[in-house]
Each structure stands twice: as structure tokens, then as C-alpha cells.
Amino acid sequence: MFPWAPYDLFSPDTVPEWILVILAIIDLLLRIGALGWIPHQRRPSVALAWLLAIFLLPYAGLLLFLIIGSSRLPRKRMEKQAKMNDIIRENTPEDFSLGKEFDDLPEWVTTTAKLNYQLGALPMVGGNGFDIDTDNHESMARMARDVDRATDYVHFEFYIVATDQVSRVLLDSLVRAHERGVRVRILIDHVGSLGYPGYAELVRRFDASGIPWRRMLPIRPWRGEWQRPDLRNHRKILVVDGSIAYTGSQNIIHRSYNKRKNLRRGLEWKDLMIRCSGPVVSELNAVFVSDWYSETDDLLLDEATEVLPNVEAPVYAQVVPSGPGFTTENNLRLFNHLIYNANRRVVISSPYFVPDESLLHALTTEAQSGVDVELFVGESSDHFLAQNAQNSYYSELAEAGVKIYRYSSPTVLHAKFVLVDDLISVIGSSNMDERSFALDLEVSVMIVDQDFHDRMEEVVDEFKASSTLLDLHAWNKRPLRHKYVENVCRLTSGLL
């Protein structure tokens, strides 16, 4: 009589009918309430995914929503982020200006810089230098050499950190720096690092060293540490003495991630990091100082630049922090703005490409208008749901004219960047999926320079040599069972 009643828990033969009626009414009211409650300040795709979960699995779905349904960090942490934004703006000169070089650039480049400043409080700064590194292990060795030269402070913040034969060279350099009196601060994401081989050894080493270090967004309820468990700090930042910084896609671990299943499959991650010098280092350091303050209540103003230098000279760059600590999806707004303003070419590299409606429309619109749009993704992945959800978008993208390059197995393409025309490069930690747009704390660096863009094009050529261009005709002939699984996984894309 009441098809929505929880008959699996209560049998009508043993429970009075009036109880079943009450339970059925409560169940119906919960569903009606969810229809008006879940969509509040959420994208329709995200709201629909949650509603589907709640309607198919009412009690489990509702419980899951109550645990991880909010994409906002605790109020105290949001207030700290707002305070740091105010401090950064106060330390930015009122007459902060762009160089004369911007007079010859398209107006949308200037509006992009203004957009980023409104979103993340950090201005476009000139006088920077950048090196590109696509070798995970050599990148860690280079970081270690810079840390060994540190004399004042080292700020280290990464999503995944574990001790192994490759990462040890960098981790040992941090300990050596601390032992010779350098102020070393370390942040690692708790859930991100937890469970990887070498994590337990890492904790013992850090604890024994006396280095101030913290787990970011820790989930340890027995110590009173709790927040939504899938809101993670996905940033990768190393700052040395305020003069050198690293950021990009790489974690501090062997490129196989030391897991048996990866070793069996021969999986190795391909990343991209940039070594930065100039005023942009101070902006990356400001992001670290914000995160350290959020985790410790310790505001490291003596380890941060008091006033950002206003250098009117190439190379111009701007740091864009994003994540649930902000009220807007900073990285998604930046990407969409850049894509819609492209006139000739857009190149995107992302290991997890599960676009929301706005990003999907931006890419297909630009491709259909004649812009050369290239997407680099991995043929291999370590995430079943994300990979299959990603696969479900390929036909739609390719039919619109997007060229999809799949980096050949067993390498897992993990580099994350966006190139626009022959001028703009965005390098960082952000994937092109709902998780990176709304759930993870990310950091990106937008670089305005043709020479750097040309060097990034060399990386693109390197990736192409190891990739296969998707054949739409052959792709559409894949087995029906694959399409079914992909479409089911696509329904979860708003929650990935």
C-alpha cells in the first residue's frame, strides 16, 4: 500500500498498520524536504546527484549527505581565510600597477588579472623567473638542493608525503635544515597521506626531529579533530627563504606511489612542477602562511613579505588559491574566463577530467567556433569512478571538435595545466573536476609570458609523442557494457 515504506526493516505482519502509516508519512516528508533543501546554493548537477542517492537509498543517502553534504569548511576556518585575505590586501600597495607591456596585450588579459585579484586577493606581479620540471624524481632532488642552501626558513606543504628511497633525499634535507637552525614548517594532508607505504615512518621521523609539523584537515575525532572527511588540502608548495618556490602537480613520494597494485600494473605518475623566483614566491608563501594559520593559530608574519614588491617587468605571474575556504570557485571561474577569451588555441592537461556544465559548454563552444582545443588525459588511472565518468564525456567533446590525446599506459598522466593562445599558462594542483573546483584546497599560478608559453609547448609536444589521438568512430564502437558503466559513473560526477 505504501511502496516507499521501509519494509526491509518492518514487516507488515508484525507491525501495526498505524506505525507503518506514520513511517511512510515521515519517509515521504523527508523526500519532499530534500527536494527543497538539497538544491540550496548547489549546482543542479550536484543537487541531482545527492537527490538520486537519497531517493534510491533513503536512509544511507541521507546519512551520507549529513556527513559530507556540505562543501564548506568550519566557520572558524572560513573566518581565518577572510582575515588572511584582508592582511594580504593591506600589504598590497594601493597603486599596484601592471607594466607597460600590458598596453600591447588583449584587454581580456588585464580583466583576467582583475578577476583573480577579486577572487583570491593576490595581484599580478612582475619580475619573475620559472623553470619547468617533468621528472618527478629529479624534481625532488632539486628541491633538496635548494633546501640545503636555506639560511632563514623553509615552508613545505604537500597533499601526499611518504618516506621511500626517492623522497628520503628531500625529507632528509628538511631535517638537516632544522638541525642547523633554519625555521622549517611542514604541512601534509592527513587523509591524503594516510595509508601510503612509508607514512608511518614519516610520522616517526618528523616527531623525532622536533620540526614543527601538522596534519592538514585532520580526521581524529578521539582528539577532537573532525570536519567533513572528503574536504582535503590538495596544494603542493615549497618555499625556501622567500626567494625560491616550487608548485605544481607532484606529491612527495616515488612515482609508483609504492602500492603493490601499481607496481603489478607498472603504473608510474607523470607530473609537472615549476621552480619559481621573484615576487610570485611571496604570493605562494602567503598561501602557505594562510594554511599554517588555519591549522595552528600561529600567524607567521615574520616569515612573510610585509609588502609585495611592485616590479613592472616581465615575467608577470599571479597566484590563485581556491577551495572551500573561499566563497566562490576561484579556479573554475579562471578557467572558464580564459577559455571563453581564447582566439586561437586552448590546451588542457588533467588526470581527472570530469567537467561541470559550465566548463563543458565553454570547451565545446570554443571548439565549435574554430578555436583549436586539445585535451590531454591518461589512458590509465587509479580511480575507477573518475576514469569511467571521464570516459563518458569523450564522445560529446570530440563531436564538438575537441582533440583528445590519451597518454599511453602504463604511465599515469598527472600534470595539470591550461595554455591559452600563445601567451597564458596556468600551472598548479587543480584537476578539471568537481572535487578540485569545490571540495579541495588548490593553488594555481597564472603566467603571462610568450617565452614561458613556448617552453610549455615543448612539454605538449613531448606529451603528444607518448599519446594517441582519440578516434571518435572507433571510440563509439566500444562495448555497450562499457558505455553503461560510464553513464552510471557519470551520475556521480557531481560528488567525485
Protein backbone atom coordinates (compact mmCIF):
# COMPACT_ATOMS: atom_id res chain seq x y z
CA MET A 1 0.00 0.00 0.00
CA PHE A 2 2.90 2.30 0.71
CA PRO A 3 5.67 1.41 -1.80
CA TRP A 4 8.10 3.82 -0.20
CA ALA A 5 7.78 2.40 3.32
CA PRO A 6 10.88 0.69 4.77
CA TYR A 7 9.50 -2.86 4.60
CA ASP A 8 13.02 -4.28 4.81
CA LEU A 9 13.12 -3.09 8.45
CA PHE A 10 9.50 -3.50 9.48
CA SER A 11 7.27 -6.39 8.37
CA PRO A 12 3.56 -5.52 7.94
CA ASP A 13 2.72 -8.89 9.51
CA THR A 14 4.31 -7.94 12.85
CA VAL A 15 3.97 -4.13 13.00
CA PRO A 16 0.63 -2.35 13.45
CA GLU A 17 -0.60 -0.61 10.33
CA TRP A 18 -0.73 2.79 12.03
CA ILE A 19 3.05 2.61 12.65
CA LEU A 20 3.63 1.79 9.01
CA VAL A 21 1.48 4.75 8.02
CA ILE A 22 3.49 7.08 10.28
CA LEU A 23 6.79 5.73 8.92
CA ALA A 24 5.54 6.15 5.36
CA ILE A 25 4.49 9.75 6.06
CA ILE A 26 7.88 10.52 7.65
CA ASP A 27 9.64 8.95 4.67
CA LEU A 28 7.57 10.99 2.22
CA LEU A 29 8.13 14.22 4.17
CA LEU A 30 11.89 13.59 4.21
CA ARG A 31 11.91 13.20 0.43
CA ILE A 32 9.78 16.31 -0.10
CA GLY A 33 12.00 18.22 2.30
CA ALA A 34 15.12 17.03 0.47
CA LEU A 35 13.74 18.41 -2.80
CA GLY A 36 13.70 21.90 -1.33
CA TRP A 37 16.71 21.60 0.96
CA ILE A 38 19.42 19.86 -1.11
CA PRO A 39 19.47 22.32 -4.08
CA HIS A 40 20.16 25.35 -1.81
CA GLN A 41 23.29 27.11 -3.17
CA ARG A 42 24.36 23.99 -5.06
CA ARG A 43 24.79 23.40 -8.74
CA PRO A 44 21.87 21.46 -10.25
CA SER A 45 24.23 18.60 -11.16
CA VAL A 46 25.46 18.26 -7.59
CA ALA A 47 21.95 18.60 -6.15
CA LEU A 48 20.59 15.98 -8.55
CA ALA A 49 23.37 13.55 -7.64
CA TRP A 50 22.53 13.89 -3.95
CA LEU A 51 18.81 13.60 -4.58
CA LEU A 52 19.36 10.46 -6.63
CA ALA A 53 21.37 8.93 -3.79
CA ILE A 54 18.71 9.87 -1.22
CA PHE A 55 15.78 8.62 -3.32
CA LEU A 56 17.46 5.31 -4.21
CA LEU A 57 18.93 4.70 -0.74
CA PRO A 58 16.86 6.99 1.51
CA TYR A 59 18.45 6.39 4.89
CA ALA A 60 22.01 5.68 3.77
CA GLY A 61 21.87 8.53 1.27
CA LEU A 62 20.56 10.99 3.84
CA LEU A 63 23.15 9.90 6.41
CA LEU A 64 25.93 10.30 3.84
CA PHE A 65 24.65 13.76 2.95
CA LEU A 66 24.65 14.81 6.59
CA ILE A 67 28.27 13.68 6.91
CA ILE A 68 29.76 15.02 3.67
CA GLY A 69 26.99 17.07 2.08
CA SER A 70 28.38 20.49 2.93
CA SER A 71 31.24 21.77 0.78
CA ARG A 72 32.13 24.48 3.31
CA LEU A 73 34.88 24.33 5.88
CA PRO A 74 34.06 25.10 9.53
CA ARG A 75 33.13 28.73 10.21
CA LYS A 76 36.27 29.36 12.27
CA ARG A 77 38.47 28.31 9.38
CA MET A 78 36.50 30.42 6.91
CA GLU A 79 36.97 33.42 9.21
CA LYS A 80 40.72 32.78 9.28
CA GLN A 81 40.85 32.73 5.49
CA ALA A 82 38.93 36.01 5.34
CA LYS A 83 41.35 37.54 7.86
CA MET A 84 44.35 36.43 5.77
CA ASN A 85 42.77 37.90 2.63
CA ASP A 86 42.40 41.23 4.45
CA ILE A 87 46.04 41.13 5.60
CA ILE A 88 47.23 40.40 2.06
CA ARG A 89 45.18 43.26 0.61
CA GLU A 90 46.50 45.62 3.30
CA ASN A 91 50.06 44.70 2.29
CA THR A 92 49.39 45.32 -1.40
CA PRO A 93 50.18 48.91 -2.42
CA GLU A 94 47.10 50.88 -3.49
CA ASP A 95 48.84 51.98 -6.69
CA PHE A 96 49.84 48.42 -7.62
CA SER A 97 50.03 48.60 -11.40
CA LEU A 98 50.76 46.44 -14.39
CA GLY A 99 53.75 47.18 -16.61
CA LYS A 100 53.67 48.94 -19.97
CA GLU A 101 53.85 45.52 -21.61
CA PHE A 102 50.17 45.08 -20.77
CA ASP A 103 49.25 48.01 -23.01
CA ASP A 104 50.01 45.83 -26.04
CA LEU A 105 48.16 42.76 -24.75
CA PRO A 106 44.49 41.91 -25.31
CA GLU A 107 42.21 43.61 -22.80
CA TRP A 108 40.99 40.25 -21.53
CA VAL A 109 44.43 39.56 -20.04
CA THR A 110 44.03 42.58 -17.77
CA THR A 111 40.46 41.65 -16.87
CA THR A 112 41.66 38.13 -16.00
CA ALA A 113 44.22 39.61 -13.60
CA LYS A 114 41.49 41.75 -12.02
CA LEU A 115 39.19 38.74 -11.71
CA ASN A 116 41.89 36.70 -9.97
CA TYR A 117 42.60 39.54 -7.55
CA GLN A 118 38.94 39.85 -6.62
CA LEU A 119 38.73 36.10 -6.06
CA GLY A 120 41.99 35.35 -4.26
CA ALA A 121 43.32 38.73 -3.02
CA LEU A 122 46.69 38.28 -4.74
CA PRO A 123 47.71 40.72 -7.51
CA MET A 124 49.57 40.23 -10.78
CA VAL A 125 53.29 40.76 -10.10
CA GLY A 126 56.24 41.22 -12.47
CA GLY A 127 59.92 40.34 -12.40
CA ASN A 128 59.58 36.56 -12.04
CA GLY A 129 61.50 33.57 -13.36
CA PHE A 130 60.35 29.99 -13.93
CA ASP A 131 61.90 26.60 -14.67
CA ILE A 132 59.85 23.58 -15.75
CA ASP A 133 60.45 20.04 -14.50
CA THR A 134 58.57 16.95 -15.70
CA ASP A 135 60.74 14.33 -13.94
CA ASN A 136 59.27 13.56 -10.51
CA HIS A 137 62.45 12.17 -9.00
CA GLU A 138 64.78 14.84 -10.35
CA SER A 139 62.35 17.49 -9.13
CA MET A 140 62.59 16.17 -5.56
CA ALA A 141 66.38 16.10 -5.79
CA ARG A 142 66.40 19.70 -6.98
CA MET A 143 64.12 20.76 -4.13
CA ALA A 144 66.52 19.08 -1.71
CA ARG A 145 69.47 21.02 -3.11
CA ASP A 146 67.59 24.29 -2.61
CA VAL A 147 66.60 23.32 0.95
CA ASP A 148 70.24 22.51 1.70
CA ARG A 149 71.08 26.12 0.80
CA ALA A 150 68.36 27.60 3.05
CA THR A 151 69.52 30.05 5.73
CA ASP A 152 66.28 31.52 7.10
CA TYR A 153 63.13 29.42 6.67
CA VAL A 154 61.58 26.57 4.68
CA HIS A 155 57.82 26.14 4.21
CA PHE A 156 56.73 22.71 2.99
CA GLU A 157 53.10 21.85 2.11
CA PHE A 158 52.05 18.79 0.11
CA TYR A 159 48.99 16.60 -0.26
CA ILE A 160 50.72 13.19 -0.16
CA VAL A 161 54.05 12.67 1.61
CA ALA A 162 55.68 9.35 2.46
CA THR A 163 59.20 8.12 3.10
CA ASP A 164 60.82 5.98 0.40
CA GLN A 165 64.16 5.69 -1.38
CA VAL A 166 63.39 8.69 -3.62
CA SER A 167 61.57 11.08 -1.28
CA ARG A 168 64.08 10.49 1.52
CA VAL A 169 66.61 12.83 -0.10
CA LEU A 170 64.20 15.77 0.24
CA LEU A 171 62.86 14.78 3.65
CA ASP A 172 66.41 14.39 4.98
CA SER A 173 67.26 17.88 3.71
CA LEU A 174 64.36 19.28 5.77
CA VAL A 175 65.74 17.64 8.90
CA ARG A 176 69.25 18.92 8.17
CA ALA A 177 67.91 22.43 7.68
CA HIS A 178 66.12 22.27 11.03
CA GLU A 179 69.26 20.97 12.76
CA ARG A 180 71.34 23.91 11.53
CA GLY A 181 68.83 26.44 12.83
CA VAL A 182 66.63 27.11 9.79
CA ARG A 183 62.96 27.61 10.69
CA VAL A 184 61.24 24.64 8.99
CA ARG A 185 57.43 24.31 8.94
CA ILE A 186 55.73 21.26 7.45
CA LEU A 187 52.11 20.66 6.43
CA ILE A 188 50.87 17.39 4.97
CA ASP A 189 47.28 16.40 4.27
CA HIS A 190 46.16 13.83 6.80
CA VAL A 191 43.79 11.67 4.75
CA GLY A 192 45.81 12.24 1.56
CA SER A 193 48.97 10.75 3.06
CA LEU A 194 47.40 8.22 5.42
CA GLY A 195 47.70 4.63 4.23
CA TYR A 196 50.61 5.04 1.82
CA PRO A 197 53.65 2.84 2.47
CA GLY A 198 56.21 4.97 4.28
CA TYR A 199 53.69 7.25 6.02
CA ALA A 200 54.19 5.69 9.46
CA GLU A 201 57.96 6.03 9.12
CA LEU A 202 57.47 9.66 8.07
CA VAL A 203 55.45 10.44 11.21
CA ARG A 204 58.08 8.84 13.45
CA ARG A 205 60.85 10.77 11.69
CA PHE A 206 59.11 14.14 11.94
CA ASP A 207 58.15 13.57 15.58
CA ALA A 208 61.71 12.61 16.50
CA SER A 209 63.24 15.55 14.59
CA GLY A 210 61.48 18.26 16.57
CA ILE A 211 60.37 20.04 13.39
CA PRO A 212 57.07 21.91 13.80
CA TRP A 213 54.67 19.98 11.56
CA ARG A 214 50.94 19.49 11.29
CA ARG A 215 48.43 17.25 9.59
CA MET A 216 46.15 19.37 7.41
CA LEU A 217 42.40 18.96 7.97
CA PRO A 218 42.98 16.03 10.36
CA ILE A 219 40.30 13.42 10.97
CA ARG A 220 40.99 12.26 14.52
CA PRO A 221 37.73 12.50 16.47
CA TRP A 222 39.33 10.96 19.57
CA ARG A 223 41.40 14.17 19.71
CA GLY A 224 38.51 16.47 18.90
CA GLU A 225 39.70 16.89 15.29
CA TRP A 226 36.83 16.50 12.85
CA GLN A 227 35.40 18.12 9.72
CA ARG A 228 33.88 16.82 6.53
CA PRO A 229 36.32 13.96 5.73
CA ASP A 230 36.50 14.44 1.97
CA LEU A 231 37.38 18.16 2.08
CA ARG A 232 41.14 17.94 1.54
CA ASN A 233 44.13 20.26 1.14
CA HIS A 234 45.44 19.26 -2.28
CA ARG A 235 48.06 22.03 -2.61
CA LYS A 236 51.74 21.45 -3.38
CA ILE A 237 54.05 24.26 -2.23
CA LEU A 238 57.69 24.53 -1.16
CA VAL A 239 59.15 27.94 -0.25
CA VAL A 240 62.83 28.45 0.57
CA ASP A 241 63.93 31.72 2.23
CA GLY A 242 61.23 33.65 0.38
CA SER A 243 63.39 33.59 -2.76
CA ILE A 244 62.66 30.20 -4.35
CA ALA A 245 59.37 28.31 -4.53
CA TYR A 246 58.02 25.17 -6.16
CA THR A 247 54.46 24.30 -7.06
CA GLY A 248 52.59 22.07 -9.50
CA SER A 249 51.04 18.61 -9.52
CA GLN A 250 53.64 16.45 -7.81
CA ASN A 251 53.41 14.72 -4.44
CA ILE A 252 56.46 13.79 -2.37
CA ILE A 253 56.60 10.06 -2.99
CA HIS A 254 58.06 7.61 -5.51
CA ARG A 255 56.33 7.97 -8.86
CA SER A 256 54.78 4.49 -8.40
CA TYR A 257 53.25 5.63 -5.09
CA ASN A 258 54.75 2.43 -3.65
CA LYS A 259 51.49 0.50 -3.80
CA ARG A 260 51.57 -3.17 -4.79
CA LYS A 261 48.73 -2.84 -7.28
CA ASN A 262 50.58 -0.01 -9.03
CA LEU A 263 53.82 -1.99 -9.09
CA ARG A 264 51.99 -5.01 -10.55
CA ARG A 265 50.50 -2.88 -13.32
CA GLY A 266 53.72 -0.93 -13.86
CA LEU A 267 51.94 2.37 -13.15
CA GLU A 268 54.14 5.44 -12.78
CA TRP A 269 52.91 9.03 -12.45
CA LYS A 270 53.98 11.80 -14.86
CA ASP A 271 53.92 15.23 -13.22
CA LEU A 272 54.83 18.83 -13.90
CA MET A 273 56.39 21.23 -11.40
CA ILE A 274 57.66 24.78 -11.76
CA ARG A 275 60.55 26.35 -9.83
CA CYS A 276 59.73 30.00 -9.23
CA SER A 277 61.77 33.08 -8.36
CA GLY A 278 60.75 36.72 -7.95
CA PRO A 279 57.75 38.34 -6.23
CA VAL A 280 55.44 35.41 -7.09
CA VAL A 281 57.34 33.46 -4.40
CA SER A 282 55.88 35.83 -1.79
CA GLU A 283 52.38 35.03 -3.07
CA LEU A 284 52.92 31.27 -2.80
CA ASN A 285 54.35 31.86 0.66
CA ALA A 286 51.19 33.82 1.58
CA VAL A 287 49.13 30.74 0.72
CA PHE A 288 51.31 28.60 2.99
CA VAL A 289 51.14 31.16 5.81
CA SER A 290 47.31 31.15 5.47
CA ASP A 291 47.18 27.36 5.73
CA TRP A 292 49.63 27.27 8.65
CA TYR A 293 47.49 29.83 10.48
CA SER A 294 44.36 27.77 9.78
CA GLU A 295 45.94 24.63 11.26
CA THR A 296 47.88 26.10 14.19
CA ASP A 297 46.52 29.60 15.07
CA ASP A 298 50.13 30.74 14.58
CA LEU A 299 50.36 33.71 12.22
CA LEU A 300 53.86 33.71 10.69
CA LEU A 301 54.03 37.37 9.79
CA ASP A 302 57.80 37.40 10.43
CA GLU A 303 58.17 34.69 7.77
CA ALA A 304 56.19 36.54 5.12
CA THR A 305 56.84 39.59 2.96
CA GLU A 306 55.41 42.68 4.64
CA VAL A 307 54.65 44.46 1.36
CA LEU A 308 54.57 42.82 -2.07
CA PRO A 309 57.16 44.45 -4.35
CA ASN A 310 55.72 46.22 -7.37
CA VAL A 311 58.10 45.28 -10.19
CA GLU A 312 56.98 46.49 -13.62
CA ALA A 313 58.94 44.00 -15.71
CA PRO A 314 58.45 40.57 -17.26
CA VAL A 315 57.74 37.82 -16.42
CA TYR A 316 54.26 38.57 -14.97
CA ALA A 317 52.54 35.99 -12.80
CA GLN A 318 49.69 35.68 -10.31
CA VAL A 319 48.86 33.05 -7.70
CA VAL A 320 45.23 31.94 -7.48
CA PRO A 321 44.26 29.97 -4.36
CA SER A 322 40.93 28.17 -4.43
CA GLY A 323 38.84 25.75 -2.45
CA PRO A 324 36.10 25.58 0.18
CA GLY A 325 37.89 28.27 2.21
CA PHE A 326 36.61 30.76 -0.38
CA THR A 327 33.00 31.62 -1.13
CA THR A 328 33.48 31.22 -4.89
CA GLU A 329 35.06 28.53 -7.06
CA ASN A 330 38.12 30.57 -7.97
CA ASN A 331 39.85 28.08 -10.25
CA LEU A 332 36.71 27.22 -12.23
CA ARG A 333 35.95 30.91 -12.83
CA LEU A 334 39.52 31.48 -14.01
CA PHE A 335 39.46 28.50 -16.39
CA ASN A 336 36.11 29.43 -17.90
CA HIS A 337 37.13 33.06 -18.33
CA LEU A 338 40.34 32.08 -20.12
CA ILE A 339 38.66 29.52 -22.38
CA TYR A 340 35.91 31.90 -23.49
CA ASN A 341 38.51 34.56 -24.32
CA ALA A 342 40.73 32.27 -26.38
CA ASN A 343 41.05 33.23 -30.04
CA ARG A 344 43.34 30.55 -31.42
CA ARG A 345 44.21 27.69 -29.09
CA VAL A 346 43.43 26.05 -25.76
CA VAL A 347 45.44 23.15 -24.32
CA ILE A 348 44.39 21.37 -21.13
CA SER A 349 46.16 18.59 -19.26
CA SER A 350 44.26 16.94 -16.42
CA PRO A 351 44.42 13.41 -14.97
CA TYR A 352 40.82 13.64 -13.77
CA PHE A 353 38.65 15.39 -16.30
CA VAL A 354 35.02 15.37 -15.15
CA PRO A 355 33.77 18.83 -16.15
CA ASP A 356 30.76 20.61 -14.77
CA GLU A 357 28.22 22.03 -17.22
CA SER A 358 29.89 25.45 -17.45
CA LEU A 359 33.32 24.06 -18.31
CA LEU A 360 31.88 21.54 -20.77
CA HIS A 361 29.94 24.29 -22.54
CA ALA A 362 32.99 26.56 -22.63
CA LEU A 363 35.18 23.93 -24.27
CA THR A 364 32.61 22.72 -26.80
CA THR A 365 31.59 26.29 -27.67
CA GLU A 366 35.18 27.34 -28.35
CA ALA A 367 35.90 24.21 -30.37
CA GLN A 368 32.78 24.75 -32.47
CA SER A 369 33.81 28.37 -33.08
CA GLY A 370 37.09 27.29 -34.66
CA VAL A 371 39.46 27.51 -31.69
CA ASP A 372 41.97 24.62 -31.64
CA VAL A 373 41.13 22.82 -28.38
CA GLU A 374 43.38 19.98 -27.22
CA LEU A 375 42.79 17.85 -24.14
CA PHE A 376 45.45 15.57 -22.62
CA VAL A 377 44.22 12.81 -20.31
CA GLY A 378 45.57 9.47 -19.18
CA GLU A 379 44.77 6.15 -20.75
CA SER A 380 45.45 4.66 -17.28
CA SER A 381 44.00 5.80 -13.99
CA ASP A 382 43.92 4.71 -10.37
CA HIS A 383 40.33 5.89 -9.81
CA PHE A 384 37.58 3.67 -11.24
CA LEU A 385 34.67 6.11 -10.81
CA ALA A 386 36.54 9.15 -12.06
CA GLN A 387 38.03 7.34 -15.05
CA ASN A 388 34.70 5.94 -16.21
CA ALA A 389 32.88 9.22 -15.62
CA GLN A 390 35.62 10.92 -17.63
CA ASN A 391 35.22 8.43 -20.49
CA SER A 392 31.54 9.31 -20.76
CA TYR A 393 32.41 12.86 -21.93
CA TYR A 394 34.78 11.95 -24.75
CA SER A 395 32.20 11.48 -27.50
CA GLU A 396 30.47 14.80 -26.75
CA LEU A 397 33.79 16.64 -26.70
CA ALA A 398 35.18 15.00 -29.84
CA GLU A 399 31.96 15.60 -31.79
CA ALA A 400 32.32 19.31 -30.99
CA GLY A 401 35.87 19.29 -32.38
CA VAL A 402 37.97 18.85 -29.22
CA LYS A 403 41.09 16.78 -29.89
CA ILE A 404 41.54 14.25 -27.10
CA TYR A 405 45.04 12.83 -26.58
CA ARG A 406 45.24 9.80 -24.27
CA TYR A 407 48.66 9.39 -22.66
CA SER A 408 49.72 5.78 -23.19
CA SER A 409 49.68 3.20 -20.40
CA PRO A 410 51.18 2.33 -18.01
CA THR A 411 52.21 5.95 -17.33
CA VAL A 412 49.55 7.89 -15.41
CA LEU A 413 49.46 11.46 -16.73
CA HIS A 414 49.20 13.64 -13.63
CA ALA A 415 50.39 17.02 -14.99
CA LYS A 416 47.85 19.84 -14.59
CA PHE A 417 47.95 22.93 -16.77
CA VAL A 418 45.99 25.17 -19.12
CA LEU A 419 47.51 27.06 -22.08
CA VAL A 420 45.63 29.79 -23.93
CA ASP A 421 46.68 31.24 -27.30
CA ASP A 422 50.44 31.92 -27.28
CA LEU A 423 50.55 33.90 -24.05
CA ILE A 424 48.81 32.46 -20.97
CA SER A 425 49.91 29.42 -18.96
CA VAL A 426 48.24 28.20 -15.78
CA ILE A 427 50.19 25.61 -13.76
CA GLY A 428 49.04 24.14 -10.48
CA SER A 429 47.48 21.39 -8.43
CA SER A 430 43.92 21.65 -9.75
CA ASN A 431 42.21 18.91 -11.73
CA MET A 432 39.26 19.60 -14.01
CA ASP A 433 36.59 18.05 -11.82
CA GLU A 434 34.06 18.92 -9.15
CA ARG A 435 36.42 17.84 -6.38
CA SER A 436 39.09 20.36 -7.39
CA PHE A 437 36.54 23.10 -8.05
CA ALA A 438 34.58 22.86 -4.80
CA LEU A 439 35.95 20.30 -2.33
CA ASP A 440 39.76 20.52 -2.37
CA LEU A 441 42.04 23.41 -1.46
CA GLU A 442 44.09 24.08 -4.59
CA VAL A 443 46.68 26.56 -5.83
CA SER A 444 47.40 27.72 -9.39
CA VAL A 445 49.92 30.11 -10.91
CA MET A 446 48.90 32.10 -13.99
CA ILE A 447 51.93 33.14 -16.05
CA VAL A 448 51.71 35.83 -18.76
CA ASP A 449 54.74 35.34 -20.97
CA GLN A 450 55.25 34.13 -24.52
CA ASP A 451 58.68 32.61 -23.86
CA PHE A 452 57.35 30.50 -20.98
CA HIS A 453 54.36 29.54 -23.10
CA ASP A 454 56.74 28.39 -25.85
CA ARG A 455 58.56 26.20 -23.34
CA MET A 456 55.24 24.73 -22.26
CA GLU A 457 54.51 23.95 -25.92
CA GLU A 458 57.65 21.78 -25.86
CA VAL A 459 56.07 19.87 -22.97
CA VAL A 460 52.90 19.50 -25.05
CA ASP A 461 54.95 18.08 -27.94
CA GLU A 462 56.58 15.64 -25.52
CA PHE A 463 53.16 14.53 -24.30
CA LYS A 464 51.86 14.13 -27.85
CA ALA A 465 54.74 11.82 -28.70
CA SER A 466 53.56 9.48 -25.91
CA SER A 467 49.83 9.82 -26.58
CA THR A 468 47.23 8.52 -29.00
CA LEU A 469 44.63 10.81 -30.59
CA LEU A 470 41.13 9.54 -29.83
CA ASP A 471 39.43 8.07 -32.90
CA LEU A 472 35.78 9.06 -32.42
CA HIS A 473 34.46 6.42 -34.83
CA ALA A 474 36.33 3.62 -33.06
CA TRP A 475 35.52 5.03 -29.62
CA ASN A 476 31.79 4.98 -30.30
CA LYS A 477 32.04 1.26 -31.12
CA ARG A 478 33.25 0.31 -27.63
CA PRO A 479 31.11 -2.37 -25.93
CA LEU A 480 27.69 -1.42 -24.64
CA ARG A 481 28.59 -2.67 -21.16
CA HIS A 482 31.40 -0.07 -21.03
CA LYS A 483 29.02 2.70 -22.00
CA TYR A 484 26.55 1.58 -19.35
CA VAL A 485 29.18 1.64 -16.58
CA GLU A 486 30.46 5.03 -17.77
CA ASN A 487 26.98 6.55 -17.75
CA VAL A 488 26.28 5.25 -14.24
CA CYS A 489 29.60 6.69 -13.03
CA ARG A 490 28.75 9.98 -14.74
CA LEU A 491 25.75 10.34 -12.43
CA THR A 492 28.18 10.50 -9.52
CA SER A 493 30.36 13.18 -11.16
CA GLY A 494 28.86 15.94 -9.04
CA LEU A 495 30.09 14.14 -5.92
CA LEU A 496 33.53 12.91 -7.08
